[in-house]
Amino acid sequence: MKILTVTFLIVIFCTLSGCKDDTGIPAELQQQYPESISISVSNPTDLPRNDGTVLIKMSDLKQKHTLFNGKALLFWSGKDEIDGQIIDSNDDGNSDGIVLNLSLRGREEKEVTVRFHPDGEKKREYTKRTQAE
């Protein structure tokens, strides 16, 4: 009887807390974006880079996972979602890459998880961080 009670409490706790696995990504987002690619990003300098721009080529992601879909994705590092934007660098109407804003200490390396859904389109909304007049 005690085992059932403990199991029941764990299930309730996971349901209420959002149940994150060791990647820190909430279970709900893992279901919405079931596929993933892990990439490593590093700062080769001794200087910190706050909100540094990281460019990931779309072709590199497609090579890592054949089902990759750039229209339904999110980015995660540690316990935080990272804001990103798809870019068309040569104005040909095709997505060429993804730009992320990532802070890294000097000589730091971070693991970034790209989660995606193989079909459809899902947009993520991020807080505006710039002001243009």
Protein backbone atom coordinates (compact mmCIF):
# COMPACT_ATOMS: atom_id res chain seq x y z
CA MET A 1 0.00 0.00 0.00
CA LYS A 2 2.86 2.42 0.75
CA ILE A 3 4.38 1.85 -2.68
CA LEU A 4 1.13 2.80 -4.41
CA THR A 5 0.85 5.96 -2.33
CA VAL A 6 4.40 7.07 -3.20
CA THR A 7 3.85 6.35 -6.89
CA PHE A 8 0.58 8.26 -6.86
CA LEU A 9 2.26 11.28 -5.21
CA ILE A 10 5.07 11.25 -7.78
CA VAL A 11 2.58 11.20 -10.65
CA ILE A 12 0.66 14.12 -9.15
CA PHE A 13 3.87 16.08 -8.58
CA CYS A 14 5.01 15.51 -12.18
CA THR A 15 1.63 16.56 -13.51
CA LEU A 16 1.59 19.76 -11.44
CA SER A 17 5.22 20.71 -11.99
CA GLY A 18 5.29 20.13 -15.74
CA CYS A 19 7.63 17.14 -15.49
CA LYS A 20 10.98 18.06 -17.00
CA ASP A 21 13.48 15.37 -17.88
CA ASP A 22 17.25 15.76 -17.54
CA THR A 23 17.26 18.24 -20.47
CA GLY A 24 15.11 20.69 -18.50
CA ILE A 25 12.49 20.84 -21.26
CA PRO A 26 8.88 20.62 -20.03
CA ALA A 27 7.06 17.44 -21.05
CA GLU A 28 4.35 19.46 -22.84
CA LEU A 29 6.94 21.04 -25.16
CA GLN A 30 8.59 17.68 -25.72
CA GLN A 31 5.25 16.34 -26.94
CA GLN A 32 4.64 19.36 -29.18
CA TYR A 33 8.19 19.16 -30.57
CA PRO A 34 8.98 15.41 -30.43
CA GLU A 35 12.22 15.32 -32.47
CA SER A 36 15.53 16.80 -31.36
CA ILE A 37 19.06 17.60 -32.45
CA SER A 38 21.85 18.46 -30.00
CA ILE A 39 24.54 20.92 -30.98
CA SER A 40 27.51 22.30 -29.11
CA VAL A 41 28.24 26.03 -29.13
CA SER A 42 31.49 27.44 -27.74
CA ASN A 43 33.19 30.77 -27.14
CA PRO A 44 36.84 30.36 -28.25
CA THR A 45 37.93 33.66 -26.65
CA ASP A 46 38.72 34.58 -23.06
CA LEU A 47 36.13 37.38 -23.18
CA PRO A 48 32.48 36.86 -22.24
CA ARG A 49 29.91 37.24 -25.00
CA ASN A 50 26.56 38.50 -23.75
CA ASP A 51 23.71 37.87 -26.16
CA GLY A 52 26.20 36.79 -28.79
CA THR A 53 24.84 35.96 -32.21
CA VAL A 54 25.07 32.30 -33.17
CA LEU A 55 24.29 31.24 -36.75
CA ILE A 56 23.30 27.65 -37.45
CA LYS A 57 23.03 26.68 -41.10
CA MET A 58 19.75 25.05 -42.05
CA SER A 59 21.65 22.58 -44.25
CA ASP A 60 23.68 21.40 -41.23
CA LEU A 61 20.48 20.67 -39.27
CA LYS A 62 18.97 18.81 -42.23
CA GLN A 63 22.11 16.67 -42.46
CA LYS A 64 21.89 15.77 -38.77
CA HIS A 65 18.22 14.74 -38.95
CA THR A 66 16.40 13.84 -42.17
CA LEU A 67 12.99 14.81 -40.75
CA PHE A 68 14.13 18.31 -39.74
CA ASN A 69 11.43 20.95 -40.20
CA GLY A 70 12.48 24.57 -39.80
CA LYS A 71 8.88 25.77 -39.51
CA ALA A 72 8.11 24.13 -36.16
CA LEU A 73 11.04 24.41 -33.78
CA LEU A 74 12.38 25.75 -30.50
CA PHE A 75 15.80 25.99 -28.87
CA TRP A 76 16.78 25.03 -25.36
CA SER A 77 19.95 25.23 -23.26
CA GLY A 78 20.09 24.15 -19.63
CA LYS A 79 16.83 25.23 -18.02
CA ASP A 80 16.11 28.03 -20.48
CA GLU A 81 14.44 28.42 -23.82
CA ILE A 82 16.60 30.44 -26.20
CA ASP A 83 15.06 32.92 -28.59
CA GLY A 84 15.84 32.31 -32.23
CA GLN A 85 14.88 33.49 -35.67
CA ILE A 86 14.94 31.88 -39.09
CA ILE A 87 16.75 33.94 -41.70
CA ASP A 88 16.87 34.08 -45.48
CA SER A 89 20.31 35.60 -46.00
CA ASN A 90 20.23 35.73 -49.80
CA ASP A 91 16.57 36.76 -50.36
CA ASP A 92 15.76 33.70 -52.45
CA GLY A 93 12.66 32.80 -50.41
CA ASN A 94 14.29 29.79 -48.73
CA SER A 95 15.39 29.56 -45.09
CA ASP A 96 19.19 29.56 -44.96
CA GLY A 97 19.81 29.45 -41.24
CA ILE A 98 18.78 30.19 -37.71
CA VAL A 99 20.14 32.99 -35.55
CA LEU A 100 20.21 32.49 -31.78
CA ASN A 101 21.09 34.95 -29.01
CA LEU A 102 23.28 33.13 -26.50
CA SER A 103 25.45 34.35 -23.64
CA LEU A 104 28.74 32.53 -23.06
CA ARG A 105 31.54 33.12 -20.59
CA GLY A 106 35.11 33.07 -21.87
CA ARG A 107 36.07 29.59 -23.13
CA GLU A 108 32.62 28.27 -22.22
CA GLU A 109 30.85 25.57 -24.19
CA LYS A 110 27.08 25.04 -24.07
CA GLU A 111 24.87 22.28 -25.34
CA VAL A 112 21.87 23.58 -27.30
CA THR A 113 18.94 21.31 -28.07
CA VAL A 114 16.92 22.05 -31.18
CA ARG A 115 13.45 20.53 -30.73
CA PHE A 116 11.14 20.32 -33.71
CA HIS A 117 7.99 18.76 -35.07
CA PRO A 118 8.54 16.98 -38.39
CA ASP A 119 5.31 18.37 -39.91
CA GLY A 120 3.41 21.62 -40.04
CA GLU A 121 4.21 25.04 -38.67
CA LYS A 122 4.40 26.18 -35.04
CA LYS A 123 5.49 29.69 -34.17
CA ARG A 124 7.07 30.66 -30.85
CA GLU A 125 6.63 34.19 -29.54
CA TYR A 126 9.56 35.86 -27.79
CA THR A 127 9.88 39.10 -25.86
CA LYS A 128 10.93 41.99 -28.08
CA ARG A 129 14.50 42.97 -27.20
CA THR A 130 15.16 45.76 -29.70
CA GLN A 131 13.64 49.11 -30.54
CA ALA A 132 13.67 50.51 -34.06
CA GLU A 133 12.30 53.94 -34.91
